C-alpha atoms as a PDB file:
ATOM      1  CA  MET A   1     -72.321 -82.766 -10.346  1.00  0.00           C
ATOM      2  CA  THR A   2     -69.105 -83.388  -9.015  1.00  0.00           C
ATOM      3  CA  LEU A   3     -66.371 -81.627 -11.153  1.00  0.00           C
ATOM      4  CA  GLU A   4     -62.894 -83.382 -11.719  1.00  0.00           C
ATOM      5  CA  LEU A   5     -59.513 -81.948 -12.285  1.00  0.00           C
ATOM      6  CA  ASP A   6     -57.933 -81.916 -15.548  1.00  0.00           C
ATOM      7  CA  ARG A   7     -61.131 -81.818 -17.275  1.00  0.00           C
ATOM      8  CA  VAL A   8     -62.995 -79.268 -19.842  1.00  0.00           C
ATOM      9  CA  TYR A   9     -66.683 -78.818 -19.278  1.00  0.00           C
ATOM     10  CA  LEU A  10     -69.279 -77.707 -21.881  1.00  0.00           C
ATOM     11  CA  GLY A  11     -71.438 -75.032 -20.695  1.00  0.00           C
ATOM     12  CA  ASP A  12     -71.924 -71.480 -19.115  1.00  0.00           C
ATOM     13  CA  CYS A  13     -69.146 -70.740 -16.297  1.00  0.00           C
ATOM     14  CA  LEU A  14     -71.746 -68.723 -14.382  1.00  0.00           C
ATOM     15  CA  GLU A  15     -73.591 -72.249 -13.992  1.00  0.00           C
ATOM     16  CA  LEU A  16     -70.525 -74.650 -13.847  1.00  0.00           C
ATOM     17  CA  MET A  17     -68.744 -72.516 -11.253  1.00  0.00           C
ATOM     18  CA  ARG A  18     -71.532 -73.171  -8.745  1.00  0.00           C
ATOM     19  CA  GLU A  19     -70.720 -76.796  -8.833  1.00  0.00           C
ATOM     20  CA  MET A  20     -67.146 -76.118  -7.443  1.00  0.00           C
ATOM     21  CA  PRO A  21     -66.227 -75.908  -3.897  1.00  0.00           C
ATOM     22  CA  ASP A  22     -65.496 -72.618  -2.241  1.00  0.00           C
ATOM     23  CA  GLY A  23     -61.929 -71.925  -1.839  1.00  0.00           C
ATOM     24  CA  SER A  24     -60.684 -74.589  -4.222  1.00  0.00           C
ATOM     25  CA  VAL A  25     -58.599 -72.577  -6.945  1.00  0.00           C
ATOM     26  CA  ASP A  26     -54.973 -71.238  -6.888  1.00  0.00           C
ATOM     27  CA  ALA A  27     -55.540 -68.826  -9.935  1.00  0.00           C
ATOM     28  CA  ILE A  28     -57.770 -68.038 -12.554  1.00  0.00           C
ATOM     29  CA  VAL A  29     -56.060 -67.348 -15.905  1.00  0.00           C
ATOM     30  CA  THR A  30     -58.546 -66.437 -18.805  1.00  0.00           C
ATOM     31  CA  ASP A  31     -59.170 -64.629 -22.206  1.00  0.00           C
ATOM     32  CA  PRO A  32     -62.856 -63.864 -22.233  1.00  0.00           C
ATOM     33  CA  PRO A  33     -64.682 -62.256 -25.207  1.00  0.00           C
ATOM     34  CA  TYR A  34     -63.540 -58.772 -25.247  1.00  0.00           C
ATOM     35  CA  SER A  35     -66.900 -57.113 -26.412  1.00  0.00           C
ATOM     36  CA  SER A  36     -64.546 -54.730 -28.224  1.00  0.00           C
ATOM     37  CA  GLY A  37     -63.544 -54.427 -31.819  1.00  0.00           C
ATOM     38  CA  GLY A  38     -65.239 -50.805 -32.305  1.00  0.00           C
ATOM     39  CA  MET A  39     -66.233 -47.668 -30.581  1.00  0.00           C
ATOM     40  CA  TYR A  40     -69.742 -47.854 -31.664  1.00  0.00           C
ATOM     41  CA  ARG A  41     -72.568 -50.544 -31.272  1.00  0.00           C
ATOM     42  CA  ALA A  42     -72.541 -51.395 -35.114  1.00  0.00           C
ATOM     43  CA  ASP A  43     -68.998 -52.256 -34.734  1.00  0.00           C
ATOM     44  CA  ARG A  44     -69.280 -54.308 -31.687  1.00  0.00           C
ATOM     45  CA  THR A  45     -72.061 -56.414 -32.747  1.00  0.00           C
ATOM     46  CA  ARG A  46     -70.430 -57.497 -35.797  1.00  0.00           C
ATOM     47  CA  ALA A  47     -69.419 -60.980 -36.314  1.00  0.00           C
ATOM     48  CA  THR A  48     -66.048 -62.046 -34.305  1.00  0.00           C
ATOM     49  CA  SER A  49     -64.245 -62.982 -37.576  1.00  0.00           C
ATOM     50  CA  THR A  50     -64.958 -59.679 -39.179  1.00  0.00           C
ATOM     51  CA  LYS A  51     -63.696 -57.605 -35.710  1.00  0.00           C
ATOM     52  CA  TYR A  52     -60.486 -59.540 -35.178  1.00  0.00           C
ATOM     53  CA  LEU A  53     -59.213 -61.016 -38.100  1.00  0.00           C
ATOM     54  CA  ARG A  54     -57.640 -59.519 -40.938  1.00  0.00           C
ATOM     55  CA  VAL A  55     -57.918 -62.368 -43.538  1.00  0.00           C
ATOM     56  CA  LYS A  56     -61.031 -64.881 -43.790  1.00  0.00           C
ATOM     57  CA  ASP A  57     -60.398 -68.329 -41.868  1.00  0.00           C
ATOM     58  CA  ASN A  58     -62.594 -71.340 -41.195  1.00  0.00           C
ATOM     59  CA  TYR A  59     -62.805 -70.868 -37.437  1.00  0.00           C
ATOM     60  CA  PRO A  60     -66.216 -70.428 -36.078  1.00  0.00           C
ATOM     61  CA  ASP A  61     -67.579 -67.114 -34.665  1.00  0.00           C
ATOM     62  CA  PHE A  62     -67.711 -67.198 -30.777  1.00  0.00           C
ATOM     63  CA  PRO A  63     -70.755 -65.777 -28.714  1.00  0.00           C
ATOM     64  CA  GLY A  64     -70.960 -63.227 -26.013  1.00  0.00           C
ATOM     65  CA  ASP A  65     -68.893 -60.632 -27.775  1.00  0.00           C
ATOM     66  CA  GLY A  66     -71.378 -58.060 -28.584  1.00  0.00           C
ATOM     67  CA  ARG A  67     -72.296 -56.393 -25.128  1.00  0.00           C
ATOM     68  CA  ASP A  68     -72.103 -52.802 -24.501  1.00  0.00           C
ATOM     69  CA  GLN A  69     -69.990 -50.999 -21.926  1.00  0.00           C
ATOM     70  CA  ARG A  70     -72.440 -51.300 -18.965  1.00  0.00           C
ATOM     71  CA  GLY A  71     -73.494 -55.173 -19.916  1.00  0.00           C
ATOM     72  CA  PHE A  72     -69.764 -56.069 -20.389  1.00  0.00           C
ATOM     73  CA  TYR A  73     -68.958 -54.381 -16.721  1.00  0.00           C
ATOM     74  CA  HIS A  74     -71.884 -55.971 -15.083  1.00  0.00           C
ATOM     75  CA  TRP A  75     -70.980 -59.542 -16.829  1.00  0.00           C
ATOM     76  CA  CYS A  76     -67.451 -59.333 -15.773  1.00  0.00           C
ATOM     77  CA  THR A  77     -68.324 -58.296 -12.382  1.00  0.00           C
ATOM     78  CA  LEU A  78     -70.647 -61.310 -12.157  1.00  0.00           C
ATOM     79  CA  TRP A  79     -68.084 -63.966 -13.228  1.00  0.00           C
ATOM     80  CA  MET A  80     -65.068 -62.411 -11.273  1.00  0.00           C
ATOM     81  CA  SER A  81     -67.202 -62.247  -8.247  1.00  0.00           C
ATOM     82  CA  LEU A  82     -67.774 -66.173  -8.482  1.00  0.00           C
ATOM     83  CA  CYS A  83     -64.020 -66.801  -9.262  1.00  0.00           C
ATOM     84  CA  TRP A  84     -63.208 -64.878  -6.128  1.00  0.00           C
ATOM     85  CA  GLN A  85     -65.503 -67.155  -4.268  1.00  0.00           C
ATOM     86  CA  LYS A  86     -64.092 -70.377  -5.564  1.00  0.00           C
ATOM     87  CA  SER A  87     -60.495 -69.105  -5.179  1.00  0.00           C
ATOM     88  CA  LYS A  88     -58.035 -69.649  -2.061  1.00  0.00           C
ATOM     89  CA  MET A  89     -56.809 -66.885  -0.234  1.00  0.00           C
ATOM     90  CA  GLY A  90     -53.743 -65.243  -2.054  1.00  0.00           C
ATOM     91  CA  ALA A  91     -55.235 -66.518  -5.118  1.00  0.00           C
ATOM     92  CA  LEU A  92     -54.338 -64.720  -8.525  1.00  0.00           C
ATOM     93  CA  LEU A  93     -56.879 -63.609 -11.368  1.00  0.00           C
ATOM     94  CA  ALA A  94     -55.225 -62.634 -14.504  1.00  0.00           C
ATOM     95  CA  CYS A  95     -57.721 -61.436 -17.420  1.00  0.00           C
ATOM     96  CA  PHE A  96     -56.861 -60.496 -21.006  1.00  0.00           C
ATOM     97  CA  THR A  97     -58.392 -57.831 -22.668  1.00  0.00           C
ATOM     98  CA  ASP A  98     -57.459 -54.699 -25.015  1.00  0.00           C
ATOM     99  CA  TRP A  99     -56.918 -50.959 -24.962  1.00  0.00           C
ATOM    100  CA  ARG A 100     -60.513 -50.168 -25.170  1.00  0.00           C
ATOM    101  CA  GLN A 101     -61.745 -52.377 -22.457  1.00  0.00           C
ATOM    102  CA  LEU A 102     -58.855 -51.863 -20.058  1.00  0.00           C
ATOM    103  CA  PRO A 103     -60.482 -49.330 -17.659  1.00  0.00           C
ATOM    104  CA  THR A 104     -63.534 -51.632 -17.608  1.00  0.00           C
ATOM    105  CA  VAL A 105     -61.940 -54.767 -16.682  1.00  0.00           C
ATOM    106  CA  SER A 106     -59.900 -53.126 -13.994  1.00  0.00           C
ATOM    107  CA  ASP A 107     -63.016 -51.705 -12.527  1.00  0.00           C
ATOM    108  CA  ALA A 108     -64.757 -55.034 -12.825  1.00  0.00           C
ATOM    109  CA  LEU A 109     -61.950 -57.111 -11.109  1.00  0.00           C
ATOM    110  CA  GLN A 110     -62.170 -54.637  -8.067  1.00  0.00           C
ATOM    111  CA  GLY A 111     -66.116 -54.907  -8.269  1.00  0.00           C
ATOM    112  CA  GLY A 112     -65.615 -58.467  -8.109  1.00  0.00           C
ATOM    113  CA  GLY A 113     -63.677 -58.520  -4.757  1.00  0.00           C
ATOM    114  CA  TRP A 114     -60.237 -58.566  -6.126  1.00  0.00           C
ATOM    115  CA  ILE A 115     -57.267 -56.421  -5.172  1.00  0.00           C
ATOM    116  CA  TRP A 116     -56.202 -54.748  -8.410  1.00  0.00           C
ATOM    117  CA  ARG A 117     -52.348 -55.223  -8.426  1.00  0.00           C
ATOM    118  CA  GLY A 118     -51.122 -54.176 -12.021  1.00  0.00           C
ATOM    119  CA  ILE A 119     -51.196 -54.718 -15.566  1.00  0.00           C
ATOM    120  CA  PHE A 120     -49.107 -57.115 -17.711  1.00  0.00           C
ATOM    121  CA  VAL A 121     -48.452 -56.204 -21.267  1.00  0.00           C
ATOM    122  CA  TRP A 122     -48.204 -58.636 -24.172  1.00  0.00           C
ATOM    123  CA  ASP A 123     -45.994 -56.806 -26.851  1.00  0.00           C
ATOM    124  CA  LYS A 124     -47.113 -58.731 -30.309  1.00  0.00           C
ATOM    125  CA  THR A 125     -44.007 -57.402 -32.053  1.00  0.00           C
ATOM    126  CA  GLU A 126     -43.658 -55.354 -35.065  1.00  0.00           C
ATOM    127  CA  ALA A 127     -45.760 -58.083 -37.006  1.00  0.00           C
ATOM    128  CA  ALA A 128     -48.949 -56.643 -35.441  1.00  0.00           C
ATOM    129  CA  ARG A 129     -51.467 -54.075 -37.216  1.00  0.00           C
ATOM    130  CA  PRO A 130     -49.807 -51.102 -38.644  1.00  0.00           C
ATOM    131  CA  GLN A 131     -51.830 -48.006 -38.571  1.00  0.00           C
ATOM    132  CA  LEU A 132     -50.862 -45.025 -41.200  1.00  0.00           C
ATOM    133  CA  GLY A 133     -50.192 -42.009 -39.304  1.00  0.00           C
ATOM    134  CA  GLN A 134     -51.076 -43.487 -35.965  1.00  0.00           C
ATOM    135  CA  TYR A 135     -49.143 -45.918 -33.514  1.00  0.00           C
ATOM    136  CA  ARG A 136     -49.122 -49.300 -34.234  1.00  0.00           C
ATOM    137  CA  ALA A 137     -51.710 -51.341 -32.592  1.00  0.00           C
ATOM    138  CA  GLN A 138     -48.894 -53.698 -30.856  1.00  0.00           C
ATOM    139  CA  CYS A 139     -50.140 -55.034 -27.366  1.00  0.00           C
ATOM    140  CA  GLU A 140     -52.755 -56.442 -25.672  1.00  0.00           C
ATOM    141  CA  TYR A 141     -53.049 -56.588 -21.838  1.00  0.00           C
ATOM    142  CA  VAL A 142     -53.395 -58.773 -18.797  1.00  0.00           C
ATOM    143  CA  VAL A 143     -55.356 -57.145 -15.678  1.00  0.00           C
ATOM    144  CA  TRP A 144     -54.317 -59.027 -12.739  1.00  0.00           C
ATOM    145  CA  GLY A 145     -55.048 -59.038  -8.926  1.00  0.00           C
ATOM    146  CA  SER A 146     -55.184 -61.198  -5.964  1.00  0.00           C
ATOM    147  CA  LYS A 147     -57.665 -62.506  -3.083  1.00  0.00           C
ATOM    148  CA  GLY A 148     -55.905 -61.120  -0.219  1.00  0.00           C
ATOM    149  CA  VAL A 149     -52.247 -61.173   0.411  1.00  0.00           C
ATOM    150  CA  MET A 150     -50.180 -62.950  -2.039  1.00  0.00           C
ATOM    151  CA  GLY A 151     -47.478 -65.425  -0.897  1.00  0.00           C
ATOM    152  CA  ASP A 152     -43.935 -65.452  -1.656  1.00  0.00           C
ATOM    153  CA  GLY A 153     -42.725 -66.954  -5.017  1.00  0.00           C
ATOM    154  CA  PRO A 154     -40.665 -66.439  -8.032  1.00  0.00           C
ATOM    155  CA  ALA A 155     -40.447 -63.107  -9.914  1.00  0.00           C
ATOM    156  CA  ALA A 156     -41.910 -63.149 -13.324  1.00  0.00           C
ATOM    157  CA  PRO A 157     -41.907 -60.699 -16.018  1.00  0.00           C
ATOM    158  CA  GLY A 158     -44.283 -58.063 -16.669  1.00  0.00           C
ATOM    159  CA  VAL A 159     -43.951 -58.053 -20.337  1.00  0.00           C
ATOM    160  CA  TYR A 160     -44.144 -60.909 -22.949  1.00  0.00           C
ATOM    161  CA  ARG A 161     -42.828 -60.073 -26.494  1.00  0.00           C
ATOM    162  CA  GLY A 162     -43.800 -62.562 -28.957  1.00  0.00           C
ATOM    163  CA  ALA A 163     -46.037 -62.650 -31.996  1.00  0.00           C
ATOM    164  CA  THR A 164     -49.431 -64.020 -32.408  1.00  0.00           C
ATOM    165  CA  VAL A 165     -50.081 -67.658 -33.372  1.00  0.00           C
ATOM    166  CA  PRO A 166     -49.871 -68.187 -37.023  1.00  0.00           C
ATOM    167  CA  THR A 167     -53.113 -68.463 -39.009  1.00  0.00           C
ATOM    168  CA  ALA A 168     -51.885 -71.576 -40.033  1.00  0.00           C
ATOM    169  CA  ARG A 169     -51.627 -73.117 -36.782  1.00  0.00           C
ATOM    170  CA  ARG A 170     -54.299 -71.318 -35.221  1.00  0.00           C
ATOM    171  CA  ASP A 171     -57.385 -73.212 -33.722  1.00  0.00           C
ATOM    172  CA  HIS A 172     -59.404 -70.170 -32.545  1.00  0.00           C
ATOM    173  CA  GLN A 173     -60.088 -66.843 -33.767  1.00  0.00           C
ATOM    174  CA  THR A 174     -58.251 -65.088 -30.842  1.00  0.00           C
ATOM    175  CA  GLU A 175     -55.844 -67.857 -29.768  1.00  0.00           C
ATOM    176  CA  LYS A 176     -52.977 -66.840 -27.346  1.00  0.00           C
ATOM    177  CA  PRO A 177     -49.652 -68.381 -27.662  1.00  0.00           C
ATOM    178  CA  VAL A 178     -49.049 -71.020 -25.307  1.00  0.00           C
ATOM    179  CA  GLU A 179     -45.621 -69.649 -24.398  1.00  0.00           C
ATOM    180  CA  LEU A 180     -47.336 -66.588 -23.255  1.00  0.00           C
ATOM    181  CA  ILE A 181     -49.838 -68.552 -20.777  1.00  0.00           C
ATOM    182  CA  GLU A 182     -46.634 -70.332 -19.314  1.00  0.00           C
ATOM    183  CA  THR A 183     -45.235 -67.064 -18.549  1.00  0.00           C
ATOM    184  CA  LEU A 184     -48.296 -66.258 -16.735  1.00  0.00           C
ATOM    185  CA  LEU A 185     -48.176 -69.347 -14.650  1.00  0.00           C
ATOM    186  CA  THR A 186     -44.652 -68.546 -13.393  1.00  0.00           C
ATOM    187  CA  ILE A 187     -46.184 -67.203 -10.111  1.00  0.00           C
ATOM    188  CA  VAL A 188     -48.887 -70.082  -9.759  1.00  0.00           C
ATOM    189  CA  PRO A 189     -47.513 -72.893  -7.589  1.00  0.00           C
ATOM    190  CA  GLU A 190     -46.435 -75.823  -9.079  1.00  0.00           C
ATOM    191  CA  GLY A 191     -49.242 -78.737  -8.822  1.00  0.00           C
ATOM    192  CA  GLY A 192     -51.840 -75.498  -8.034  1.00  0.00           C
ATOM    193  CA  VAL A 193     -55.414 -75.670  -9.425  1.00  0.00           C
ATOM    194  CA  VAL A 194     -55.912 -73.103 -12.447  1.00  0.00           C
ATOM    195  CA  LEU A 195     -59.364 -72.324 -13.550  1.00  0.00           C
ATOM    196  CA  ASP A 196     -60.357 -70.838 -16.993  1.00  0.00           C
ATOM    197  CA  PRO A 197     -63.719 -69.949 -17.240  1.00  0.00           C
ATOM    198  CA  PHE A 198     -63.674 -69.130 -20.965  1.00  0.00           C
ATOM    199  CA  LEU A 199     -61.270 -71.805 -22.115  1.00  0.00           C
ATOM    200  CA  GLY A 200     -61.834 -71.492 -26.154  1.00  0.00           C
ATOM    201  CA  SER A 201     -59.661 -73.842 -27.756  1.00  0.00           C
ATOM    202  CA  GLY A 202     -57.696 -74.985 -24.568  1.00  0.00           C
ATOM    203  CA  THR A 203     -54.550 -72.950 -24.605  1.00  0.00           C
ATOM    204  CA  THR A 204     -54.722 -72.529 -20.447  1.00  0.00           C
ATOM    205  CA  ALA A 205     -55.041 -75.950 -20.242  1.00  0.00           C
ATOM    206  CA  VAL A 206     -52.166 -77.108 -22.432  1.00  0.00           C
ATOM    207  CA  ALA A 207     -49.884 -74.589 -20.601  1.00  0.00           C
ATOM    208  CA  CYS A 208     -51.003 -75.990 -17.437  1.00  0.00           C
ATOM    209  CA  VAL A 209     -50.438 -79.578 -18.633  1.00  0.00           C
ATOM    210  CA  ASN A 210     -46.944 -78.364 -19.946  1.00  0.00           C
ATOM    211  CA  THR A 211     -45.697 -76.645 -16.669  1.00  0.00           C
ATOM    212  CA  GLY A 212     -47.229 -79.264 -14.043  1.00  0.00           C
ATOM    213  CA  ARG A 213     -50.367 -77.569 -12.977  1.00  0.00           C
ATOM    214  CA  ARG A 214     -53.813 -78.701 -12.791  1.00  0.00           C
ATOM    215  CA  PHE A 215     -56.691 -77.219 -14.466  1.00  0.00           C
ATOM    216  CA  VAL A 216     -60.278 -76.897 -14.830  1.00  0.00           C
ATOM    217  CA  GLY A 217     -62.052 -75.336 -17.979  1.00  0.00           C
ATOM    218  CA  PHE A 218     -65.242 -74.175 -19.086  1.00  0.00           C
ATOM    219  CA  GLU A 219     -66.094 -73.351 -22.738  1.00  0.00           C
ATOM    220  CA  LEU A 220     -69.947 -72.516 -24.102  1.00  0.00           C
ATOM    221  CA  HIS A 221     -69.017 -73.407 -27.695  1.00  0.00           C
ATOM    222  CA  PRO A 222     -69.432 -76.870 -28.625  1.00  0.00           C
ATOM    223  CA  GLU A 223     -66.791 -76.937 -31.593  1.00  0.00           C
ATOM    224  CA  TYR A 224     -64.292 -75.120 -29.611  1.00  0.00           C
ATOM    225  CA  TYR A 225     -64.901 -77.589 -26.659  1.00  0.00           C
ATOM    226  CA  GLU A 226     -64.217 -80.444 -28.978  1.00  0.00           C
ATOM    227  CA  ILE A 227     -60.892 -78.705 -30.168  1.00  0.00           C
ATOM    228  CA  ALA A 228     -59.818 -78.161 -26.558  1.00  0.00           C
ATOM    229  CA  VAL A 229     -60.247 -81.555 -25.693  1.00  0.00           C
ATOM    230  CA  ASP A 230     -58.114 -83.059 -28.419  1.00  0.00           C
ATOM    231  CA  ARG A 231     -55.346 -80.352 -28.100  1.00  0.00           C
ATOM    232  CA  ILE A 232     -55.392 -81.319 -24.132  1.00  0.00           C
ATOM    233  CA  GLN A 233     -55.348 -85.081 -24.699  1.00  0.00           C
ATOM    234  CA  ALA A 234     -52.338 -84.723 -27.218  1.00  0.00           C
ATOM    235  CA  ALA A 235     -50.488 -82.515 -24.570  1.00  0.00           C
ATOM    236  CA  GLN A 236     -51.157 -85.003 -21.714  1.00  0.00           C
ATOM    237  CA  GLU A 237     -49.862 -87.839 -23.809  1.00  0.00           C
ATOM    238  CA  GLN A 238     -46.926 -85.926 -24.787  1.00  0.00           C
ATOM    239  CA  THR A 239     -45.951 -85.015 -21.022  1.00  0.00           C
ATOM    240  CA  ARG A 240     -47.667 -88.142 -19.336  1.00  0.00           C
ATOM    241  CA  LEU A 241     -48.618 -85.791 -16.619  1.00  0.00           C
ATOM    242  CA  PHE A 242     -52.084 -85.997 -15.231  1.00  0.00           C
ATOM    243  CA  PRO A 243     -53.500 -88.512 -17.796  1.00  0.00           C
ATOM    244  CA  PHE A 244     -57.102 -87.514 -19.124  1.00  0.00           C
ATOM    245  CA  SER A 245     -58.163 -91.058 -17.824  1.00  0.00           C
ATOM    246  CA  GLU A 246     -57.199 -90.255 -14.392  1.00  0.00           C
ATOM    247  CA  GLU A 247     -60.074 -89.455 -12.201  1.00  0.00           C
ATOM    248  CA  ALA A 248     -59.516 -86.601  -9.765  1.00  0.00           C
ATOM    249  CA  ALA A 249     -61.942 -84.265  -8.128  1.00  0.00           C
ATOM    250  CA  PHE A 250     -61.480 -81.379  -6.101  1.00  0.00           C
END
């Protein structure tokens, strides 16, 4: 199978990435299942809607979020190693996580061959979950690194401050704001190829369309795959960049 640019593919990223040519990607920007939501197995293996949402919604639960710490580390190392193989020298890897998995993701990034370069902070504002008698759970994080030496480019913020996507506008249980992803893309070359192995409802691809980057996305859940296709097509029609009908392989 020949993968094309500016396309979403339904399936497991560990299988689909093997169809990509080595050294073809400028950046990986992704938000994988955290396998978090609790300190104990009974908490972690609950439905994602129970773990991550304060109110009931109609979004489907997503798979792959119930691994224990060792399983999560091993799995992250597998897909991060494949990402390293498919990336150009100097490429970026930026991976979302929460405080519980922050140490594990930083270890897995290095286990996958990447140079760990820092942590980007998403400050979700005072609208985030309050905890009586405790500090507010106000931040999520992006562990980031590179494949070798990074090239010169614009300086980018190390913190993004912005609330979560309102429930009424959300297409995924853990959807990230498009503006947040656009901020992360600041250091990716314009026209560069961005891979998201866990595309979800398509936010990374929409941010790529908005900012003039190419993308390839993989999504395991059929319903979220369909949502992503619709969102990307709408963004492409809005910007008239890289139309969905245009065929472009690596």
